Amino acid sequence: MAFSREGDGENNSLSVVGGVGAHGPAGSPGQEKGVKLDELKQLHRDLDEAIVAMTAEGAANQLELSRLKKRKLMLRDQITKLEDEIVPDIIA
């Protein structure tokens, strides 16, 4: 996963290059979910690093920063949902 800078110096934006692939390695559904979970967690970490970098620059585009934070929260929800599917909450 990588991020690229776009813009002319005055109007910079950060965009995600690549993404989470829909095709994991052949295997059981549990293994595929595990691979997807790892990809989502890596993307979440990448977004977090991008947010920290933009904030550290000081001249962060607030709209872009807000979009990255929203995307990060959506990823966290997806990660939680996938973790619940892999390890269900069983009441004993």
PDB file of N, CA and C in Angstrom:
ATOM      1  N   MET A   1       0.853  -1.165   0.000  1.00  0.00           N
ATOM      2  CA  MET A   1       0.000   0.000   0.000  1.00  0.00           C
ATOM      3  C   MET A   1       0.891   1.216   0.000  1.00  0.00           C
ATOM      4  N   ALA A   2       0.551   2.174  -0.802  1.00  0.00           N
ATOM      5  CA  ALA A   2       1.353   3.385  -0.874  1.00  0.00           C
ATOM      6  C   ALA A   2       0.440   4.589  -1.002  1.00  0.00           C
ATOM      7  N   PHE A   3       1.004   5.722  -0.690  1.00  0.00           N
ATOM      8  CA  PHE A   3       0.283   6.969  -0.823  1.00  0.00           C
ATOM      9  C   PHE A   3       1.071   7.854  -1.758  1.00  0.00           C
ATOM     10  N   SER A   4       0.396   8.640  -2.545  1.00  0.00           N
ATOM     11  CA  SER A   4       1.095   9.542  -3.453  1.00  0.00           C
ATOM     12  C   SER A   4       0.602  10.953  -3.249  1.00  0.00           C
ATOM     13  N   ARG A   5       1.491  11.888  -3.471  1.00  0.00           N
ATOM     14  CA  ARG A   5       1.158  13.308  -3.373  1.00  0.00           C
ATOM     15  C   ARG A   5       0.704  13.772  -4.746  1.00  0.00           C
ATOM     16  N   GLU A   6      -0.364  14.531  -4.758  1.00  0.00           N
ATOM     17  CA  GLU A   6      -0.858  15.103  -6.000  1.00  0.00           C
ATOM     18  C   GLU A   6      -1.042  16.585  -5.788  1.00  0.00           C
ATOM     19  N   GLY A   7      -0.815  17.359  -6.786  1.00  0.00           N
ATOM     20  CA  GLY A   7      -1.060  18.787  -6.660  1.00  0.00           C
ATOM     21  C   GLY A   7       0.092  19.605  -7.206  1.00  0.00           C
ATOM     22  N   ASP A   8      -0.072  20.908  -7.137  1.00  0.00           N
ATOM     23  CA  ASP A   8       0.903  21.822  -7.708  1.00  0.00           C
ATOM     24  C   ASP A   8       1.653  22.598  -6.633  1.00  0.00           C
ATOM     25  N   GLY A   9       1.675  22.088  -5.412  1.00  0.00           N
ATOM     26  CA  GLY A   9       2.368  22.765  -4.335  1.00  0.00           C
ATOM     27  C   GLY A   9       1.413  23.589  -3.488  1.00  0.00           C
ATOM     28  N   GLU A  10       0.411  24.164  -4.098  1.00  0.00           N
ATOM     29  CA  GLU A  10      -0.546  24.974  -3.349  1.00  0.00           C
ATOM     30  C   GLU A  10      -1.741  24.138  -2.936  1.00  0.00           C
ATOM     31  N   ASN A  11      -2.147  23.250  -3.789  1.00  0.00           N
ATOM     32  CA  ASN A  11      -3.318  22.422  -3.535  1.00  0.00           C
ATOM     33  C   ASN A  11      -2.893  20.959  -3.535  1.00  0.00           C
ATOM     34  N   ASN A  12      -2.205  20.542  -2.500  1.00  0.00           N
ATOM     35  CA  ASN A  12      -1.733  19.172  -2.404  1.00  0.00           C
ATOM     36  C   ASN A  12      -2.822  18.276  -1.861  1.00  0.00           C
ATOM     37  N   SER A  13      -2.808  17.053  -2.312  1.00  0.00           N
ATOM     38  CA  SER A  13      -3.703  16.064  -1.738  1.00  0.00           C
ATOM     39  C   SER A  13      -2.970  14.743  -1.671  1.00  0.00           C
ATOM     40  N   LEU A  14      -3.430  13.875  -0.824  1.00  0.00           N
ATOM     41  CA  LEU A  14      -2.829  12.583  -0.621  1.00  0.00           C
ATOM     42  C   LEU A  14      -3.828  11.546  -1.069  1.00  0.00           C
ATOM     43  N   SER A  15      -3.397  10.635  -1.914  1.00  0.00           N
ATOM     44  CA  SER A  15      -4.334   9.616  -2.366  1.00  0.00           C
ATOM     45  C   SER A  15      -3.729   8.239  -2.157  1.00  0.00           C
ATOM     46  N   VAL A  16      -4.600   7.266  -1.980  1.00  0.00           N
ATOM     47  CA  VAL A  16      -4.177   5.893  -1.776  1.00  0.00           C
ATOM     48  C   VAL A  16      -3.894   5.278  -3.136  1.00  0.00           C
ATOM     49  N   VAL A  17      -2.733   4.661  -3.256  1.00  0.00           N
ATOM     50  CA  VAL A  17      -2.365   3.970  -4.483  1.00  0.00           C
ATOM     51  C   VAL A  17      -2.463   2.494  -4.172  1.00  0.00           C
ATOM     52  N   GLY A  18      -3.249   1.784  -4.929  1.00  0.00           N
ATOM     53  CA  GLY A  18      -3.472   0.378  -4.644  1.00  0.00           C
ATOM     54  C   GLY A  18      -4.723   0.251  -3.804  1.00  0.00           C
ATOM     55  N   GLY A  19      -4.869  -0.846  -3.100  1.00  0.00           N
ATOM     56  CA  GLY A  19      -6.029  -1.029  -2.253  1.00  0.00           C
ATOM     57  C   GLY A  19      -6.123  -2.464  -1.814  1.00  0.00           C
ATOM     58  N   VAL A  20      -7.198  -2.783  -1.199  1.00  0.00           N
ATOM     59  CA  VAL A  20      -7.402  -4.134  -0.729  1.00  0.00           C
ATOM     60  C   VAL A  20      -7.970  -4.943  -1.881  1.00  0.00           C
ATOM     61  N   GLY A  21      -7.278  -5.999  -2.229  1.00  0.00           N
ATOM     62  CA  GLY A  21      -7.711  -6.827  -3.342  1.00  0.00           C
ATOM     63  C   GLY A  21      -8.829  -7.757  -2.948  1.00  0.00           C
ATOM     64  N   ALA A  22      -9.668  -8.073  -3.886  1.00  0.00           N
ATOM     65  CA  ALA A  22     -10.784  -8.961  -3.615  1.00  0.00           C
ATOM     66  C   ALA A  22     -10.383 -10.424  -3.763  1.00  0.00           C
ATOM     67  N   HIS A  23      -9.217 -10.660  -4.367  1.00  0.00           N
ATOM     68  CA  HIS A  23      -8.804 -12.028  -4.642  1.00  0.00           C
ATOM     69  C   HIS A  23      -7.644 -12.412  -3.756  1.00  0.00           C
ATOM     70  N   GLY A  24      -7.899 -13.243  -2.786  1.00  0.00           N
ATOM     71  CA  GLY A  24      -6.849 -13.736  -1.910  1.00  0.00           C
ATOM     72  C   GLY A  24      -6.336 -15.058  -2.452  1.00  0.00           C
ATOM     73  N   PRO A  25      -5.385 -15.666  -1.778  1.00  0.00           N
ATOM     74  CA  PRO A  25      -4.883 -16.955  -2.216  1.00  0.00           C
ATOM     75  C   PRO A  25      -5.940 -18.035  -2.037  1.00  0.00           C
ATOM     76  N   ALA A  26      -5.809 -19.087  -2.830  1.00  0.00           N
ATOM     77  CA  ALA A  26      -6.762 -20.180  -2.742  1.00  0.00           C
ATOM     78  C   ALA A  26      -6.648 -20.824  -1.367  1.00  0.00           C
ATOM     79  N   GLY A  27      -7.752 -21.196  -0.814  1.00  0.00           N
ATOM     80  CA  GLY A  27      -7.747 -21.814   0.508  1.00  0.00           C
ATOM     81  C   GLY A  27      -9.129 -21.774   1.091  1.00  0.00           C
ATOM     82  N   SER A  28      -9.192 -22.067   2.369  1.00  0.00           N
ATOM     83  CA  SER A  28     -10.481 -22.082   3.041  1.00  0.00           C
ATOM     84  C   SER A  28     -11.000 -20.662   3.215  1.00  0.00           C
ATOM     85  N   PRO A  29     -12.307 -20.525   3.401  1.00  0.00           N
ATOM     86  CA  PRO A  29     -12.880 -19.194   3.628  1.00  0.00           C
ATOM     87  C   PRO A  29     -12.267 -18.497   4.833  1.00  0.00           C
ATOM     88  N   GLY A  30     -11.896 -19.259   5.861  1.00  0.00           N
ATOM     89  CA  GLY A  30     -11.260 -18.679   7.038  1.00  0.00           C
ATOM     90  C   GLY A  30      -9.899 -18.086   6.707  1.00  0.00           C
ATOM     91  N   GLN A  31      -9.151 -18.772   5.843  1.00  0.00           N
ATOM     92  CA  GLN A  31      -7.845 -18.259   5.434  1.00  0.00           C
ATOM     93  C   GLN A  31      -8.002 -16.991   4.599  1.00  0.00           C
ATOM     94  N   GLU A  32      -8.986 -16.991   3.717  1.00  0.00           N
ATOM     95  CA  GLU A  32      -9.234 -15.814   2.879  1.00  0.00           C
ATOM     96  C   GLU A  32      -9.637 -14.623   3.732  1.00  0.00           C
ATOM     97  N   LYS A  33     -10.452 -14.871   4.751  1.00  0.00           N
ATOM     98  CA  LYS A  33     -10.852 -13.796   5.661  1.00  0.00           C
ATOM     99  C   LYS A  33      -9.647 -13.287   6.441  1.00  0.00           C
ATOM    100  N   GLY A  34      -8.744 -14.205   6.802  1.00  0.00           N
ATOM    101  CA  GLY A  34      -7.540 -13.817   7.519  1.00  0.00           C
ATOM    102  C   GLY A  34      -6.649 -12.930   6.671  1.00  0.00           C
ATOM    103  N   VAL A  35      -6.518 -13.262   5.385  1.00  0.00           N
ATOM    104  CA  VAL A  35      -5.720 -12.457   4.466  1.00  0.00           C
ATOM    105  C   VAL A  35      -6.361 -11.090   4.282  1.00  0.00           C
ATOM    106  N   LYS A  36      -7.671 -11.071   4.102  1.00  0.00           N
ATOM    107  CA  LYS A  36      -8.402  -9.809   3.951  1.00  0.00           C
ATOM    108  C   LYS A  36      -8.242  -8.953   5.207  1.00  0.00           C
ATOM    109  N   LEU A  37      -8.319  -9.593   6.376  1.00  0.00           N
ATOM    110  CA  LEU A  37      -8.163  -8.886   7.641  1.00  0.00           C
ATOM    111  C   LEU A  37      -6.774  -8.250   7.735  1.00  0.00           C
ATOM    112  N   ASP A  38      -5.745  -9.005   7.338  1.00  0.00           N
ATOM    113  CA  ASP A  38      -4.386  -8.464   7.354  1.00  0.00           C
ATOM    114  C   ASP A  38      -4.252  -7.265   6.417  1.00  0.00           C
ATOM    115  N   GLU A  39      -4.873  -7.357   5.239  1.00  0.00           N
ATOM    116  CA  GLU A  39      -4.817  -6.253   4.280  1.00  0.00           C
ATOM    117  C   GLU A  39      -5.521  -5.013   4.821  1.00  0.00           C
ATOM    118  N   LEU A  40      -6.676  -5.211   5.457  1.00  0.00           N
ATOM    119  CA  LEU A  40      -7.409  -4.084   6.033  1.00  0.00           C
ATOM    120  C   LEU A  40      -6.625  -3.431   7.166  1.00  0.00           C
ATOM    121  N   LYS A  41      -5.987  -4.255   7.996  1.00  0.00           N
ATOM    122  CA  LYS A  41      -5.192  -3.712   9.094  1.00  0.00           C
ATOM    123  C   LYS A  41      -3.999  -2.918   8.569  1.00  0.00           C
ATOM    124  N   GLN A  42      -3.370  -3.418   7.494  1.00  0.00           N
ATOM    125  CA  GLN A  42      -2.237  -2.697   6.908  1.00  0.00           C
ATOM    126  C   GLN A  42      -2.696  -1.366   6.320  1.00  0.00           C
ATOM    127  N   LEU A  43      -3.819  -1.366   5.643  1.00  0.00           N
ATOM    128  CA  LEU A  43      -4.357  -0.127   5.075  1.00  0.00           C
ATOM    129  C   LEU A  43      -4.702   0.867   6.196  1.00  0.00           C
ATOM    130  N   HIS A  44      -5.248   0.352   7.295  1.00  0.00           N
ATOM    131  CA  HIS A  44      -5.578   1.196   8.446  1.00  0.00           C
ATOM    132  C   HIS A  44      -4.301   1.848   9.001  1.00  0.00           C
ATOM    133  N   ARG A  45      -3.222   1.049   9.124  1.00  0.00           N
ATOM    134  CA  ARG A  45      -1.949   1.598   9.603  1.00  0.00           C
ATOM    135  C   ARG A  45      -1.403   2.649   8.635  1.00  0.00           C
ATOM    136  N   ASP A  46      -1.507   2.365   7.332  1.00  0.00           N
ATOM    137  CA  ASP A  46      -1.029   3.312   6.318  1.00  0.00           C
ATOM    138  C   ASP A  46      -1.792   4.638   6.395  1.00  0.00           C
ATOM    139  N   LEU A  47      -3.097   4.542   6.569  1.00  0.00           N
ATOM    140  CA  LEU A  47      -3.905   5.757   6.693  1.00  0.00           C
ATOM    141  C   LEU A  47      -3.521   6.530   7.947  1.00  0.00           C
ATOM    142  N   ASP A  48      -3.277   5.808   9.026  1.00  0.00           N
ATOM    143  CA  ASP A  48      -2.873   6.463  10.266  1.00  0.00           C
ATOM    144  C   ASP A  48      -1.554   7.213  10.069  1.00  0.00           C
ATOM    145  N   GLU A  49      -0.598   6.584   9.397  1.00  0.00           N
ATOM    146  CA  GLU A  49       0.683   7.232   9.125  1.00  0.00           C
ATOM    147  C   GLU A  49       0.496   8.464   8.236  1.00  0.00           C
ATOM    148  N   ALA A  50      -0.383   8.365   7.253  1.00  0.00           N
ATOM    149  CA  ALA A  50      -0.640   9.503   6.371  1.00  0.00           C
ATOM    150  C   ALA A  50      -1.273  10.663   7.136  1.00  0.00           C
ATOM    151  N   ILE A  51      -2.182  10.338   8.047  1.00  0.00           N
ATOM    152  CA  ILE A  51      -2.842  11.371   8.861  1.00  0.00           C
ATOM    153  C   ILE A  51      -1.812  12.064   9.755  1.00  0.00           C
ATOM    154  N   VAL A  52      -0.945  11.281  10.382  1.00  0.00           N
ATOM    155  CA  VAL A  52       0.097  11.854  11.240  1.00  0.00           C
ATOM    156  C   VAL A  52       1.021  12.741  10.414  1.00  0.00           C
ATOM    157  N   ALA A  53       1.402  12.277   9.220  1.00  0.00           N
ATOM    158  CA  ALA A  53       2.302  13.049   8.370  1.00  0.00           C
ATOM    159  C   ALA A  53       1.655  14.365   7.936  1.00  0.00           C
ATOM    160  N   MET A  54       0.391  14.310   7.557  1.00  0.00           N
ATOM    161  CA  MET A  54      -0.304  15.527   7.128  1.00  0.00           C
ATOM    162  C   MET A  54      -0.445  16.509   8.286  1.00  0.00           C
ATOM    163  N   THR A  55      -0.722  15.993   9.469  1.00  0.00           N
ATOM    164  CA  THR A  55      -0.869  16.850  10.641  1.00  0.00           C
ATOM    165  C   THR A  55       0.474  17.479  11.009  1.00  0.00           C
ATOM    166  N   ALA A  56       1.552  16.709  10.887  1.00  0.00           N
ATOM    167  CA  ALA A  56       2.881  17.206  11.232  1.00  0.00           C
ATOM    168  C   ALA A  56       3.334  18.314  10.282  1.00  0.00           C
ATOM    169  N   GLU A  57       2.863  18.274   9.039  1.00  0.00           N
ATOM    170  CA  GLU A  57       3.227  19.295   8.058  1.00  0.00           C
ATOM    171  C   GLU A  57       2.672  20.662   8.454  1.00  0.00           C
ATOM    172  N   GLY A  58       1.592  20.666   9.182  1.00  0.00           N
ATOM    173  CA  GLY A  58       1.006  21.919   9.641  1.00  0.00           C
ATOM    174  C   GLY A  58       0.090  22.574   8.628  1.00  0.00           C
ATOM    175  N   ALA A  59       0.378  22.450   7.362  1.00  0.00           N
ATOM    176  CA  ALA A  59      -0.437  23.073   6.320  1.00  0.00           C
ATOM    177  C   ALA A  59      -1.367  22.035   5.692  1.00  0.00           C
ATOM    178  N   ALA A  60      -1.900  21.172   6.533  1.00  0.00           N
ATOM    179  CA  ALA A  60      -2.750  20.088   6.048  1.00  0.00           C
ATOM    180  C   ALA A  60      -4.076  20.625   5.518  1.00  0.00           C
ATOM    181  N   ASN A  61      -4.492  20.083   4.415  1.00  0.00           N
ATOM    182  CA  ASN A  61      -5.800  20.381   3.853  1.00  0.00           C
ATOM    183  C   ASN A  61      -6.840  19.735   4.775  1.00  0.00           C
ATOM    184  N   GLN A  62      -7.617  20.534   5.469  1.00  0.00           N
ATOM    185  CA  GLN A  62      -8.553  20.015   6.468  1.00  0.00           C
ATOM    186  C   GLN A  62      -9.601  19.086   5.859  1.00  0.00           C
ATOM    187  N   LEU A  63     -10.029  19.376   4.653  1.00  0.00           N
ATOM    188  CA  LEU A  63     -11.019  18.524   3.998  1.00  0.00           C
ATOM    189  C   LEU A  63     -10.422  17.152   3.699  1.00  0.00           C
ATOM    190  N   GLU A  64      -9.215  17.137   3.163  1.00  0.00           N
ATOM    191  CA  GLU A  64      -8.556  15.866   2.860  1.00  0.00           C
ATOM    192  C   GLU A  64      -8.256  15.098   4.143  1.00  0.00           C
ATOM    193  N   LEU A  65      -7.825  15.796   5.170  1.00  0.00           N
ATOM    194  CA  LEU A  65      -7.544  15.171   6.456  1.00  0.00           C
ATOM    195  C   LEU A  65      -8.818  14.550   7.033  1.00  0.00           C
ATOM    196  N   SER A  66      -9.919  15.259   6.922  1.00  0.00           N
ATOM    197  CA  SER A  66     -11.201  14.749   7.393  1.00  0.00           C
ATOM    198  C   SER A  66     -11.614  13.500   6.622  1.00  0.00           C
ATOM    199  N   ARG A  67     -11.387  13.506   5.328  1.00  0.00           N
ATOM    200  CA  ARG A  67     -11.729  12.336   4.496  1.00  0.00           C
ATOM    201  C   ARG A  67     -10.882  11.124   4.881  1.00  0.00           C
ATOM    202  N   LEU A  68      -9.587  11.347   5.129  1.00  0.00           N
ATOM    203  CA  LEU A  68      -8.726  10.239   5.531  1.00  0.00           C
ATOM    204  C   LEU A  68      -9.163   9.669   6.878  1.00  0.00           C
ATOM    205  N   LYS A  69      -9.524  10.535   7.812  1.00  0.00           N
ATOM    206  CA  LYS A  69      -9.976  10.070   9.124  1.00  0.00           C
ATOM    207  C   LYS A  69     -11.277   9.278   9.010  1.00  0.00           C
ATOM    208  N   LYS A  70     -12.177   9.739   8.153  1.00  0.00           N
ATOM    209  CA  LYS A  70     -13.448   9.040   7.957  1.00  0.00           C
ATOM    210  C   LYS A  70     -13.195   7.659   7.338  1.00  0.00           C
ATOM    211  N   ARG A  71     -12.286   7.614   6.370  1.00  0.00           N
ATOM    212  CA  ARG A  71     -11.939   6.339   5.727  1.00  0.00           C
ATOM    213  C   ARG A  71     -11.327   5.385   6.753  1.00  0.00           C
ATOM    214  N   LYS A  72     -10.484   5.929   7.633  1.00  0.00           N
ATOM    215  CA  LYS A  72      -9.853   5.121   8.669  1.00  0.00           C
ATOM    216  C   LYS A  72     -10.905   4.533   9.615  1.00  0.00           C
ATOM    217  N   LEU A  73     -11.904   5.324   9.983  1.00  0.00           N
ATOM    218  CA  LEU A  73     -12.977   4.824  10.843  1.00  0.00           C
ATOM    219  C   LEU A  73     -13.801   3.740  10.154  1.00  0.00           C
ATOM    220  N   MET A  74     -14.060   3.912   8.862  1.00  0.00           N
ATOM    221  CA  MET A  74     -14.802   2.890   8.116  1.00  0.00           C
ATOM    222  C   MET A  74     -14.001   1.588   8.067  1.00  0.00           C
ATOM    223  N   LEU A  75     -12.683   1.706   7.890  1.00  0.00           N
ATOM    224  CA  LEU A  75     -11.836   0.515   7.889  1.00  0.00           C
ATOM    225  C   LEU A  75     -11.874  -0.177   9.250  1.00  0.00           C
ATOM    226  N   ARG A  76     -11.854   0.605  10.336  1.00  0.00           N
ATOM    227  CA  ARG A  76     -11.912   0.030  11.672  1.00  0.00           C
ATOM    228  C   ARG A  76     -13.202  -0.766  11.838  1.00  0.00           C
ATOM    229  N   ASP A  77     -14.319  -0.243  11.330  1.00  0.00           N
ATOM    230  CA  ASP A  77     -15.599  -0.965  11.397  1.00  0.00           C
ATOM    231  C   ASP A  77     -15.530  -2.262  10.607  1.00  0.00           C
ATOM    232  N   GLN A  78     -14.928  -2.216   9.411  1.00  0.00           N
ATOM    233  CA  GLN A  78     -14.794  -3.416   8.596  1.00  0.00           C
ATOM    234  C   GLN A  78     -13.909  -4.450   9.288  1.00  0.00           C
ATOM    235  N   ILE A  79     -12.829  -3.990   9.911  1.00  0.00           N
ATOM    236  CA  ILE A  79     -11.921  -4.888  10.623  1.00  0.00           C
ATOM    237  C   ILE A  79     -12.651  -5.570  11.775  1.00  0.00           C
ATOM    238  N   THR A  80     -13.398  -4.786  12.545  1.00  0.00           N
ATOM    239  CA  THR A  80     -14.145  -5.336  13.677  1.00  0.00           C
ATOM    240  C   THR A  80     -15.163  -6.370  13.211  1.00  0.00           C
ATOM    241  N   LYS A  81     -15.866  -6.058  12.138  1.00  0.00           N
ATOM    242  CA  LYS A  81     -16.873  -6.992  11.604  1.00  0.00           C
ATOM    243  C   LYS A  81     -16.216  -8.297  11.146  1.00  0.00           C
ATOM    244  N   LEU A  82     -15.098  -8.177  10.446  1.00  0.00           N
ATOM    245  CA  LEU A  82     -14.404  -9.362   9.950  1.00  0.00           C
ATOM    246  C   LEU A  82     -13.832 -10.186  11.113  1.00  0.00           C
ATOM    247  N   GLU A  83     -13.297  -9.517  12.127  1.00  0.00           N
ATOM    248  CA  GLU A  83     -12.793 -10.229  13.305  1.00  0.00           C
ATOM    249  C   GLU A  83     -13.922 -10.986  13.999  1.00  0.00           C
ATOM    250  N   ASP A  84     -15.096 -10.389  14.068  1.00  0.00           N
ATOM    251  CA  ASP A  84     -16.248 -11.056  14.682  1.00  0.00           C
ATOM    252  C   ASP A  84     -16.688 -12.270  13.869  1.00  0.00           C
ATOM    253  N   GLU A  85     -16.534 -12.210  12.547  1.00  0.00           N
ATOM    254  CA  GLU A  85     -16.883 -13.350  11.697  1.00  0.00           C
ATOM    255  C   GLU A  85     -15.886 -14.488  11.880  1.00  0.00           C
ATOM    256  N   ILE A  86     -14.607 -14.138  12.049  1.00  0.00           N
ATOM    257  CA  ILE A  86     -13.577 -15.155  12.190  1.00  0.00           C
ATOM    258  C   ILE A  86     -13.649 -15.815  13.566  1.00  0.00           C
ATOM    259  N   VAL A  87     -13.791 -15.003  14.611  1.00  0.00           N
ATOM    260  CA  VAL A  87     -13.882 -15.509  15.985  1.00  0.00           C
ATOM    261  C   VAL A  87     -15.191 -15.011  16.566  1.00  0.00           C
ATOM    262  N   PRO A  88     -16.261 -15.785  16.405  1.00  0.00           N
ATOM    263  CA  PRO A  88     -17.557 -15.345  16.899  1.00  0.00           C
ATOM    264  C   PRO A  88     -17.587 -15.269  18.418  1.00  0.00           C
ATOM    265  N   ASP A  89     -18.430 -14.399  18.891  1.00  0.00           N
ATOM    266  CA  ASP A  89     -18.617 -14.206  20.322  1.00  0.00           C
ATOM    267  C   ASP A  89     -19.597 -15.275  20.801  1.00  0.00           C
ATOM    268  N   ILE A  90     -19.072 -16.332  21.423  1.00  0.00           N
ATOM    269  CA  ILE A  90     -19.901 -17.450  21.848  1.00  0.00           C
ATOM    270  C   ILE A  90     -20.195 -17.314  23.342  1.00  0.00           C
ATOM    271  N   ILE A  91     -21.460 -17.331  23.671  1.00  0.00           N
ATOM    272  CA  ILE A  91     -21.866 -17.278  25.069  1.00  0.00           C
ATOM    273  C   ILE A  91     -21.871 -18.711  25.601  1.00  0.00           C
ATOM    274  N   ALA A  92     -21.046 -18.959  26.611  1.00  0.00           N
ATOM    275  CA  ALA A  92     -20.925 -20.322  27.129  1.00  0.00           C
ATOM    276  C   ALA A  92     -21.854 -20.552  28.282  1.00  0.00           C
TER     277      ALA A  92
END
